[in-house]
PDB file of N, CA and C in Angstrom:
ATOM      1  N   MET A   1     -15.288 -22.344   6.487  1.00  0.00           N
ATOM      2  CA  MET A   1     -14.495 -21.661   7.264  1.00  0.00           C
ATOM      3  C   MET A   1     -13.299 -22.485   7.871  1.00  0.00           C
ATOM      4  N   GLN A   2     -12.581 -22.150   7.564  1.00  0.00           N
ATOM      5  CA  GLN A   2     -11.110 -22.929   8.213  1.00  0.00           C
ATOM      6  C   GLN A   2     -10.873 -22.621   9.833  1.00  0.00           C
ATOM      7  N   PHE A   3     -10.610 -23.343  10.580  1.00  0.00           N
ATOM      8  CA  PHE A   3     -10.229 -23.052  12.193  1.00  0.00           C
ATOM      9  C   PHE A   3      -9.047 -24.107  12.459  1.00  0.00           C
ATOM     10  N   ILE A   4      -8.666 -23.560  13.878  1.00  0.00           N
ATOM     11  CA  ILE A   4      -7.645 -24.598  14.655  1.00  0.00           C
ATOM     12  C   ILE A   4      -8.328 -24.987  16.072  1.00  0.00           C
ATOM     13  N   THR A   5      -7.711 -25.848  16.486  1.00  0.00           N
ATOM     14  CA  THR A   5      -8.272 -25.867  17.754  1.00  0.00           C
ATOM     15  C   THR A   5      -7.377 -25.155  18.813  1.00  0.00           C
ATOM     16  N   LYS A   6      -8.252 -25.044  20.159  1.00  0.00           N
ATOM     17  CA  LYS A   6      -7.375 -24.038  21.102  1.00  0.00           C
ATOM     18  C   LYS A   6      -5.790 -25.068  21.398  1.00  0.00           C
ATOM     19  N   GLU A   7      -5.490 -26.436  21.564  1.00  0.00           N
ATOM     20  CA  GLU A   7      -4.694 -26.867  21.567  1.00  0.00           C
ATOM     21  C   GLU A   7      -3.474 -26.491  20.888  1.00  0.00           C
ATOM     22  N   THR A   8      -3.926 -26.522  19.427  1.00  0.00           N
ATOM     23  CA  THR A   8      -3.106 -25.851  18.277  1.00  0.00           C
ATOM     24  C   THR A   8      -2.564 -24.927  18.428  1.00  0.00           C
ATOM     25  N   LEU A   9      -3.510 -23.817  18.345  1.00  0.00           N
ATOM     26  CA  LEU A   9      -3.066 -22.216  19.139  1.00  0.00           C
ATOM     27  C   LEU A   9      -2.322 -22.390  20.363  1.00  0.00           C
ATOM     28  N   ASP A  10      -2.282 -23.019  21.232  1.00  0.00           N
ATOM     29  CA  ASP A  10      -1.628 -22.789  22.600  1.00  0.00           C
ATOM     30  C   ASP A  10       0.131 -23.661  21.817  1.00  0.00           C
ATOM     31  N   LYS A  11       0.180 -24.447  20.868  1.00  0.00           N
ATOM     32  CA  LYS A  11       1.163 -24.949  20.742  1.00  0.00           C
ATOM     33  C   LYS A  11       2.012 -23.730  20.116  1.00  0.00           C
ATOM     34  N   TYR A  12       1.613 -22.412  19.610  1.00  0.00           N
ATOM     35  CA  TYR A  12       1.983 -21.646  19.040  1.00  0.00           C
ATOM     36  C   TYR A  12       2.128 -20.523  20.023  1.00  0.00           C
ATOM     37  N   VAL A  13       1.562 -20.287  20.920  1.00  0.00           N
ATOM     38  CA  VAL A  13       1.300 -18.852  21.123  1.00  0.00           C
ATOM     39  C   VAL A  13       1.332 -19.345  23.068  1.00  0.00           C
ATOM     40  N   GLY A  14       1.271 -20.390  23.371  1.00  0.00           N
ATOM     41  CA  GLY A  14       1.459 -20.937  24.534  1.00  0.00           C
ATOM     42  C   GLY A  14       0.682 -20.108  25.603  1.00  0.00           C
ATOM     43  N   ASP A  15       0.676 -19.795  26.811  1.00  0.00           N
ATOM     44  CA  ASP A  15       0.023 -18.644  27.627  1.00  0.00           C
ATOM     45  C   ASP A  15       0.305 -17.344  27.857  1.00  0.00           C
ATOM     46  N   LYS A  16       1.004 -16.953  26.569  1.00  0.00           N
ATOM     47  CA  LYS A  16       1.384 -15.567  26.418  1.00  0.00           C
ATOM     48  C   LYS A  16       0.067 -14.486  26.465  1.00  0.00           C
ATOM     49  N   SER A  17       0.210 -13.665  26.906  1.00  0.00           N
ATOM     50  CA  SER A  17      -0.580 -12.426  26.885  1.00  0.00           C
ATOM     51  C   SER A  17      -0.541 -11.429  25.847  1.00  0.00           C
ATOM     52  N   ILE A  18       0.682 -11.504  25.355  1.00  0.00           N
ATOM     53  CA  ILE A  18       0.889 -11.106  23.922  1.00  0.00           C
ATOM     54  C   ILE A  18       1.580 -11.517  23.145  1.00  0.00           C
ATOM     55  N   ILE A  19       0.995 -11.602  22.040  1.00  0.00           N
ATOM     56  CA  ILE A  19       1.583 -12.474  20.842  1.00  0.00           C
ATOM     57  C   ILE A  19       2.043 -11.737  19.897  1.00  0.00           C
ATOM     58  N   GLU A  20       3.356 -12.295  19.489  1.00  0.00           N
ATOM     59  CA  GLU A  20       4.106 -11.311  18.258  1.00  0.00           C
ATOM     60  C   GLU A  20       3.281 -11.719  17.156  1.00  0.00           C
ATOM     61  N   LEU A  21       3.604 -10.591  16.255  1.00  0.00           N
ATOM     62  CA  LEU A  21       2.875 -10.939  14.895  1.00  0.00           C
ATOM     63  C   LEU A  21       3.385 -12.119  14.337  1.00  0.00           C
ATOM     64  N   ASP A  22       5.155 -12.083  14.198  1.00  0.00           N
ATOM     65  CA  ASP A  22       5.543 -13.042  13.356  1.00  0.00           C
ATOM     66  C   ASP A  22       5.020 -14.661  13.804  1.00  0.00           C
ATOM     67  N   VAL A  23       4.576 -14.644  15.132  1.00  0.00           N
ATOM     68  CA  VAL A  23       4.121 -16.111  15.731  1.00  0.00           C
ATOM     69  C   VAL A  23       3.013 -16.345  15.134  1.00  0.00           C
ATOM     70  N   ILE A  24       1.766 -15.471  15.025  1.00  0.00           N
ATOM     71  CA  ILE A  24       0.446 -15.854  14.121  1.00  0.00           C
ATOM     72  C   ILE A  24       0.547 -16.096  12.782  1.00  0.00           C
ATOM     73  N   LEU A  25       1.814 -15.214  12.174  1.00  0.00           N
ATOM     74  CA  LEU A  25       2.051 -15.343  10.525  1.00  0.00           C
ATOM     75  C   LEU A  25       2.499 -16.516  10.338  1.00  0.00           C
ATOM     76  N   ASP A  26       3.394 -17.346  11.424  1.00  0.00           N
ATOM     77  CA  ASP A  26       4.045 -18.656  11.158  1.00  0.00           C
ATOM     78  C   ASP A  26       2.703 -19.414  11.498  1.00  0.00           C
ATOM     79  N   LEU A  27       1.743 -19.166  12.088  1.00  0.00           N
ATOM     80  CA  LEU A  27       0.630 -20.298  12.656  1.00  0.00           C
ATOM     81  C   LEU A  27      -0.302 -20.247  11.195  1.00  0.00           C
ATOM     82  N   ILE A  28      -0.026 -19.055  11.059  1.00  0.00           N
ATOM     83  CA  ILE A  28      -1.461 -19.148   9.412  1.00  0.00           C
ATOM     84  C   ILE A  28      -0.686 -19.690   8.289  1.00  0.00           C
ATOM     85  N   VAL A  29       0.392 -19.604   8.249  1.00  0.00           N
ATOM     86  CA  VAL A  29       1.464 -20.515   7.058  1.00  0.00           C
ATOM     87  C   VAL A  29       1.337 -21.651   7.180  1.00  0.00           C
ATOM     88  N   HIS A  30       1.843 -22.350   8.499  1.00  0.00           N
ATOM     89  CA  HIS A  30       1.538 -23.898   8.721  1.00  0.00           C
ATOM     90  C   HIS A  30       0.254 -24.230   8.789  1.00  0.00           C
ATOM     91  N   GLU A  31      -0.759 -23.893   9.507  1.00  0.00           N
ATOM     92  CA  GLU A  31      -1.944 -24.290   9.905  1.00  0.00           C
ATOM     93  C   GLU A  31      -2.946 -23.995   8.133  1.00  0.00           C
ATOM     94  N   PHE A  32      -2.704 -23.407   7.825  1.00  0.00           N
ATOM     95  CA  PHE A  32      -3.702 -23.000   6.548  1.00  0.00           C
ATOM     96  C   PHE A  32      -2.734 -22.757   5.489  1.00  0.00           C
ATOM     97  N   GLY A  33      -1.780 -22.957   5.183  1.00  0.00           N
ATOM     98  CA  GLY A  33      -0.794 -23.213   3.818  1.00  0.00           C
ATOM     99  C   GLY A  33      -1.040 -21.558   3.106  1.00  0.00           C
ATOM    100  N   ILE A  34      -1.576 -20.335   4.063  1.00  0.00           N
ATOM    101  CA  ILE A  34      -1.399 -19.368   3.328  1.00  0.00           C
ATOM    102  C   ILE A  34      -0.434 -18.421   3.872  1.00  0.00           C
ATOM    103  N   SER A  35       0.245 -17.756   2.628  1.00  0.00           N
ATOM    104  CA  SER A  35       1.443 -16.935   2.961  1.00  0.00           C
ATOM    105  C   SER A  35       1.000 -15.583   2.739  1.00  0.00           C
ATOM    106  N   MET A  36       1.387 -14.533   3.527  1.00  0.00           N
ATOM    107  CA  MET A  36       0.807 -13.185   3.417  1.00  0.00           C
ATOM    108  C   MET A  36       2.053 -12.093   3.510  1.00  0.00           C
ATOM    109  N   PRO A  37       2.414 -11.242   2.583  1.00  0.00           N
ATOM    110  CA  PRO A  37       3.227 -10.337   3.015  1.00  0.00           C
ATOM    111  C   PRO A  37       3.149  -9.702   3.881  1.00  0.00           C
ATOM    112  N   LEU A  38       3.998  -9.103   4.529  1.00  0.00           N
ATOM    113  CA  LEU A  38       3.893  -8.061   5.467  1.00  0.00           C
ATOM    114  C   LEU A  38       4.116  -6.317   4.769  1.00  0.00           C
ATOM    115  N   GLU A  39       3.111  -5.745   4.917  1.00  0.00           N
ATOM    116  CA  GLU A  39       3.523  -4.370   4.469  1.00  0.00           C
ATOM    117  C   GLU A  39       3.351  -3.373   5.573  1.00  0.00           C
ATOM    118  N   SER A  40       3.570  -2.256   5.666  1.00  0.00           N
ATOM    119  CA  SER A  40       3.467  -1.268   6.652  1.00  0.00           C
ATOM    120  C   SER A  40       2.932  -0.075   6.187  1.00  0.00           C
ATOM    121  N   LYS A  41       2.380   1.090   6.526  1.00  0.00           N
ATOM    122  CA  LYS A  41       2.389   2.085   6.031  1.00  0.00           C
ATOM    123  C   LYS A  41       3.391   3.194   6.189  1.00  0.00           C
ATOM    124  N   PRO A  42       3.598   3.632   5.162  1.00  0.00           N
ATOM    125  CA  PRO A  42       4.840   5.044   5.230  1.00  0.00           C
ATOM    126  C   PRO A  42       4.631   5.814   6.158  1.00  0.00           C
ATOM    127  N   THR A  43       5.260   6.310   6.888  1.00  0.00           N
ATOM    128  CA  THR A  43       5.538   7.334   7.723  1.00  0.00           C
ATOM    129  C   THR A  43       5.542   8.368   7.090  1.00  0.00           C
ATOM    130  N   ASP A  44       5.033   9.545   7.664  1.00  0.00           N
ATOM    131  CA  ASP A  44       5.004  10.834   7.329  1.00  0.00           C
ATOM    132  C   ASP A  44       6.094  11.354   6.758  1.00  0.00           C
ATOM    133  N   GLU A  45       7.606  11.225   7.379  1.00  0.00           N
ATOM    134  CA  GLU A  45       8.964  11.385   6.516  1.00  0.00           C
ATOM    135  C   GLU A  45       8.850  10.392   5.338  1.00  0.00           C
ATOM    136  N   GLN A  46       8.497   9.327   5.578  1.00  0.00           N
ATOM    137  CA  GLN A  46       8.911   8.688   4.017  1.00  0.00           C
ATOM    138  C   GLN A  46       8.090   9.038   3.014  1.00  0.00           C
ATOM    139  N   ARG A  47       6.653   9.537   3.399  1.00  0.00           N
ATOM    140  CA  ARG A  47       5.695   9.892   2.528  1.00  0.00           C
ATOM    141  C   ARG A  47       6.184  11.303   1.947  1.00  0.00           C
ATOM    142  N   LYS A  48       7.036  12.039   2.635  1.00  0.00           N
ATOM    143  CA  LYS A  48       7.229  13.607   2.197  1.00  0.00           C
ATOM    144  C   LYS A  48       8.748  12.970   1.308  1.00  0.00           C
ATOM    145  N   LYS A  49       9.819  12.065   2.034  1.00  0.00           N
ATOM    146  CA  LYS A  49      10.739  12.019   1.126  1.00  0.00           C
ATOM    147  C   LYS A  49      10.023  11.493  -0.552  1.00  0.00           C
ATOM    148  N   MET A  50       8.741  10.670  -0.356  1.00  0.00           N
ATOM    149  CA  MET A  50       8.774   9.985  -1.774  1.00  0.00           C
ATOM    150  C   MET A  50       8.043  10.977  -2.545  1.00  0.00           C
ATOM    151  N   THR A  51       7.291  11.818  -2.114  1.00  0.00           N
ATOM    152  CA  THR A  51       6.652  12.836  -2.826  1.00  0.00           C
ATOM    153  C   THR A  51       8.012  14.225  -3.049  1.00  0.00           C
ATOM    154  N   LYS A  52       8.742  14.134  -2.657  1.00  0.00           N
ATOM    155  CA  LYS A  52       9.751  14.913  -3.128  1.00  0.00           C
ATOM    156  C   LYS A  52      10.565  14.517  -4.384  1.00  0.00           C
ATOM    157  N   ALA A  53      11.105  13.091  -3.850  1.00  0.00           N
ATOM    158  CA  ALA A  53      11.663  12.142  -5.344  1.00  0.00           C
ATOM    159  C   ALA A  53      10.790  12.247  -6.420  1.00  0.00           C
ATOM    160  N   ILE A  54       9.034  11.927  -6.307  1.00  0.00           N
ATOM    161  CA  ILE A  54       8.528  12.142  -7.379  1.00  0.00           C
ATOM    162  C   ILE A  54       8.647  13.331  -7.790  1.00  0.00           C
ATOM    163  N   SER A  55       8.227  14.757  -7.245  1.00  0.00           N
ATOM    164  CA  SER A  55       8.195  15.872  -7.561  1.00  0.00           C
ATOM    165  C   SER A  55       9.694  16.212  -8.298  1.00  0.00           C
ATOM    166  N   GLU A  56      10.695  15.741  -8.079  1.00  0.00           N
ATOM    167  CA  GLU A  56      11.903  16.300  -8.842  1.00  0.00           C
ATOM    168  C   GLU A  56      11.986  15.185  -9.696  1.00  0.00           C
ATOM    169  N   ASN A  57      11.378  14.525 -10.419  1.00  0.00           N
ATOM    170  CA  ASN A  57      11.715  13.363 -11.307  1.00  0.00           C
ATOM    171  C   ASN A  57      11.133  13.730 -12.559  1.00  0.00           C
ATOM    172  N   GLU A  58      11.527  14.562 -13.204  1.00  0.00           N
ATOM    173  CA  GLU A  58      10.827  15.263 -15.062  1.00  0.00           C
ATOM    174  C   GLU A  58       9.825  13.800 -15.566  1.00  0.00           C
ATOM    175  N   GLU A  59      10.743  12.835 -15.539  1.00  0.00           N
ATOM    176  CA  GLU A  59      10.218  11.389 -16.372  1.00  0.00           C
ATOM    177  C   GLU A  59       8.543  11.404 -16.055  1.00  0.00           C
ATOM    178  N   ILE A  60       8.793  11.209 -14.090  1.00  0.00           N
ATOM    179  CA  ILE A  60       7.279  10.740 -13.741  1.00  0.00           C
ATOM    180  C   ILE A  60       6.601  12.172 -14.120  1.00  0.00           C
ATOM    181  N   ILE A  61       6.880  13.299 -14.089  1.00  0.00           N
ATOM    182  CA  ILE A  61       6.175  14.422 -14.138  1.00  0.00           C
ATOM    183  C   ILE A  61       5.823  14.498 -15.955  1.00  0.00           C
ATOM    184  N   GLU A  62       6.392  14.001 -16.317  1.00  0.00           N
ATOM    185  CA  GLU A  62       6.037  13.911 -17.910  1.00  0.00           C
ATOM    186  C   GLU A  62       4.680  12.499 -17.931  1.00  0.00           C
ATOM    187  N   GLN A  63       4.966  11.594 -17.479  1.00  0.00           N
ATOM    188  CA  GLN A  63       3.795  10.467 -17.250  1.00  0.00           C
ATOM    189  C   GLN A  63       2.568  10.724 -16.816  1.00  0.00           C
ATOM    190  N   ILE A  64       2.770  11.655 -16.003  1.00  0.00           N
ATOM    191  CA  ILE A  64       1.736  11.945 -15.093  1.00  0.00           C
ATOM    192  C   ILE A  64       0.812  13.197 -16.334  1.00  0.00           C
ATOM    193  N   ARG A  65       1.717  14.315 -16.582  1.00  0.00           N
ATOM    194  CA  ARG A  65       1.245  14.824 -17.939  1.00  0.00           C
ATOM    195  C   ARG A  65       0.558  14.125 -19.057  1.00  0.00           C
ATOM    196  N   SER A  66       1.326  13.156 -19.638  1.00  0.00           N
ATOM    197  CA  SER A  66       1.020  12.405 -20.760  1.00  0.00           C
ATOM    198  C   SER A  66      -0.209  11.333 -20.370  1.00  0.00           C
ATOM    199  N   ALA A  67      -0.459  11.090 -19.044  1.00  0.00           N
ATOM    200  CA  ALA A  67      -1.763   9.989 -18.681  1.00  0.00           C
ATOM    201  C   ALA A  67      -3.107  11.109 -18.745  1.00  0.00           C
ATOM    202  N   ARG A  68      -2.446  12.325 -18.303  1.00  0.00           N
ATOM    203  CA  ARG A  68      -3.686  13.330 -18.115  1.00  0.00           C
ATOM    204  C   ARG A  68      -4.176  13.290 -19.541  1.00  0.00           C
ATOM    205  N   THR A  69      -3.472  13.817 -20.722  1.00  0.00           N
ATOM    206  CA  THR A  69      -3.793  13.799 -21.858  1.00  0.00           C
ATOM    207  C   THR A  69      -4.169  13.044 -22.436  1.00  0.00           C
ATOM    208  N   ASN A  70      -3.878  11.960 -22.329  1.00  0.00           N
ATOM    209  CA  ASN A  70      -4.207  10.413 -22.817  1.00  0.00           C
ATOM    210  C   ASN A  70      -5.259   9.514 -22.040  1.00  0.00           C
ATOM    211  N   ARG A  71      -5.923  10.369 -21.429  1.00  0.00           N
ATOM    212  CA  ARG A  71      -6.907   9.414 -20.491  1.00  0.00           C
ATOM    213  C   ARG A  71      -8.040   9.133 -21.181  1.00  0.00           C
ATOM    214  N   ASP A  72      -8.326   7.898 -21.031  1.00  0.00           N
ATOM    215  CA  ASP A  72      -9.427   7.501 -21.181  1.00  0.00           C
ATOM    216  C   ASP A  72     -10.621   7.707 -20.869  1.00  0.00           C
ATOM    217  N   GLU A  73     -11.504   8.560 -21.385  1.00  0.00           N
ATOM    218  CA  GLU A  73     -12.812   8.975 -20.408  1.00  0.00           C
ATOM    219  C   GLU A  73     -13.539   7.783 -19.898  1.00  0.00           C
ATOM    220  N   THR A  74     -13.754   6.754 -20.661  1.00  0.00           N
ATOM    221  CA  THR A  74     -14.427   5.532 -19.822  1.00  0.00           C
ATOM    222  C   THR A  74     -13.767   5.083 -18.535  1.00  0.00           C
ATOM    223  N   PHE A  75     -12.524   5.328 -18.349  1.00  0.00           N
ATOM    224  CA  PHE A  75     -12.066   4.865 -17.077  1.00  0.00           C
ATOM    225  C   PHE A  75     -11.822   6.254 -16.040  1.00  0.00           C
ATOM    226  N   SER A  76     -12.382   5.775 -14.992  1.00  0.00           N
ATOM    227  CA  SER A  76     -13.011   6.754 -14.001  1.00  0.00           C
ATOM    228  C   SER A  76     -11.481   7.583 -13.712  1.00  0.00           C
ATOM    229  N   SER A  77     -10.574   6.661 -12.994  1.00  0.00           N
ATOM    230  CA  SER A  77      -9.480   7.510 -13.031  1.00  0.00           C
ATOM    231  C   SER A  77      -8.087   6.836 -12.956  1.00  0.00           C
ATOM    232  N   TYR A  78      -6.825   7.332 -12.824  1.00  0.00           N
ATOM    233  CA  TYR A  78      -5.728   6.438 -12.715  1.00  0.00           C
ATOM    234  C   TYR A  78      -5.280   6.437 -11.349  1.00  0.00           C
ATOM    235  N   SER A  79      -5.763   6.766 -10.483  1.00  0.00           N
ATOM    236  CA  SER A  79      -5.776   6.834  -9.167  1.00  0.00           C
ATOM    237  C   SER A  79      -6.775   6.269  -8.213  1.00  0.00           C
ATOM    238  N   GLY A  80      -6.800   6.044  -6.628  1.00  0.00           N
ATOM    239  CA  GLY A  80      -8.279   5.484  -6.086  1.00  0.00           C
ATOM    240  C   GLY A  80      -8.700   6.648  -5.906  1.00  0.00           C
ATOM    241  N   ASP A  81      -8.336   8.076  -6.162  1.00  0.00           N
ATOM    242  CA  ASP A  81      -9.380   9.085  -5.282  1.00  0.00           C
ATOM    243  C   ASP A  81      -8.862  10.090  -6.873  1.00  0.00           C
ATOM    244  N   GLU A  82     -10.044  10.163  -7.650  1.00  0.00           N
ATOM    245  CA  GLU A  82     -10.211  10.987  -9.105  1.00  0.00           C
ATOM    246  C   GLU A  82      -9.754  12.226  -8.674  1.00  0.00           C
ATOM    247  N   ASP A  83     -10.518  13.010  -7.352  1.00  0.00           N
ATOM    248  CA  ASP A  83     -10.109  14.410  -7.140  1.00  0.00           C
ATOM    249  C   ASP A  83      -8.634  14.781  -6.735  1.00  0.00           C
ATOM    250  N   ASP A  84      -8.162  13.714  -6.172  1.00  0.00           N
ATOM    251  CA  ASP A  84      -6.654  13.751  -5.775  1.00  0.00           C
ATOM    252  C   ASP A  84      -6.173  13.909  -7.078  1.00  0.00           C
ATOM    253  N   PHE A  85      -6.135  12.824  -7.598  1.00  0.00           N
ATOM    254  CA  PHE A  85      -5.492  12.674  -8.970  1.00  0.00           C
ATOM    255  C   PHE A  85      -5.596  13.934 -10.017  1.00  0.00           C
ATOM    256  N   ASP A  86      -6.449  14.601  -9.792  1.00  0.00           N
ATOM    257  CA  ASP A  86      -7.400  15.993 -10.791  1.00  0.00           C
ATOM    258  C   ASP A  86      -5.932  16.828  -9.834  1.00  0.00           C
ATOM    259  N   LYS A  87      -6.070  17.110  -8.953  1.00  0.00           N
ATOM    260  CA  LYS A  87      -5.446  18.267  -8.414  1.00  0.00           C
ATOM    261  C   LYS A  87      -3.575  17.996  -8.784  1.00  0.00           C
ATOM    262  N   LEU A  88      -3.365  16.588  -7.964  1.00  0.00           N
ATOM    263  CA  LEU A  88      -1.940  16.636  -8.891  1.00  0.00           C
ATOM    264  C   LEU A  88      -1.459  17.038 -10.219  1.00  0.00           C
ATOM    265  N   VAL A  89      -2.599  16.654 -10.944  1.00  0.00           N
ATOM    266  CA  VAL A  89      -2.004  16.976 -12.676  1.00  0.00           C
ATOM    267  C   VAL A  89      -2.278  18.818 -12.764  1.00  0.00           C
ATOM    268  N   LEU A  90      -3.299  19.446 -12.002  1.00  0.00           N
ATOM    269  CA  LEU A  90      -3.261  20.897 -12.141  1.00  0.00           C
ATOM    270  C   LEU A  90      -1.783  21.268 -11.420  1.00  0.00           C
ATOM    271  N   GLU A  91      -1.820  20.603 -10.437  1.00  0.00           N
ATOM    272  CA  GLU A  91      -0.237  21.541  -9.758  1.00  0.00           C
ATOM    273  C   GLU A  91       1.305  21.071 -10.796  1.00  0.00           C
ATOM    274  N   VAL A  92       1.138  19.889 -11.255  1.00  0.00           N
ATOM    275  CA  VAL A  92       1.844  19.702 -12.228  1.00  0.00           C
ATOM    276  C   VAL A  92       1.879  20.679 -13.664  1.00  0.00           C
ATOM    277  N   ASN A  93       1.036  20.383 -14.184  1.00  0.00           N
ATOM    278  CA  ASN A  93       0.469  21.623 -15.255  1.00  0.00           C
ATOM    279  C   ASN A  93       0.775  22.985 -14.849  1.00  0.00           C
ATOM    280  N   ASP A  94       0.951  23.003 -13.457  1.00  0.00           N
ATOM    281  CA  ASP A  94       0.820  24.681 -13.274  1.00  0.00           C
ATOM    282  C   ASP A  94       2.284  24.894 -12.705  1.00  0.00           C
ATOM    283  N   GLY A  95       3.073  23.840 -12.788  1.00  0.00           N
ATOM    284  CA  GLY A  95       4.421  23.919 -12.765  1.00  0.00           C
ATOM    285  C   GLY A  95       4.804  24.197 -10.830  1.00  0.00           C
ATOM    286  N   ARG A  96       3.560  23.901 -10.137  1.00  0.00           N
ATOM    287  CA  ARG A  96       3.955  23.540  -8.810  1.00  0.00           C
ATOM    288  C   ARG A  96       4.533  22.832  -8.337  1.00  0.00           C
ATOM    289  N   LEU A  97       4.953  21.836  -8.860  1.00  0.00           N
ATOM    290  CA  LEU A  97       5.700  20.280  -8.913  1.00  0.00           C
ATOM    291  C   LEU A  97       6.733  20.381  -9.701  1.00  0.00           C
TER     292      LEU A  97
END
C-alpha cells in the first residue's frame, strides 16, 4: 500500500480544516504519480436536456431499435440495467420517445 507521511501531507494542506479537492488531486498526482479525471454526476436539469436531445434524435432512436433487433442473446444487456434498457426500447417502439 502506498502512503505519505504527515509531514508531506502538511506540505500540501498545512493546518487547514477544509481541504479543496484540487489540492488533494495535486498531492495524489505528485506523490503517487496517479492522474484522475474529475467527473461529476449530471444535475436533474442536465439529465432532462440530454434525455430530450436523445429522444429527438432519429439516428439514436434507430440505433436503439437496431440494437434491440440485433441483440446477442448471450450478452445480458446493452446498458447497466437490463430492465431499464427494455423499458426504453418498448417506449421507442411504441412511439412514446
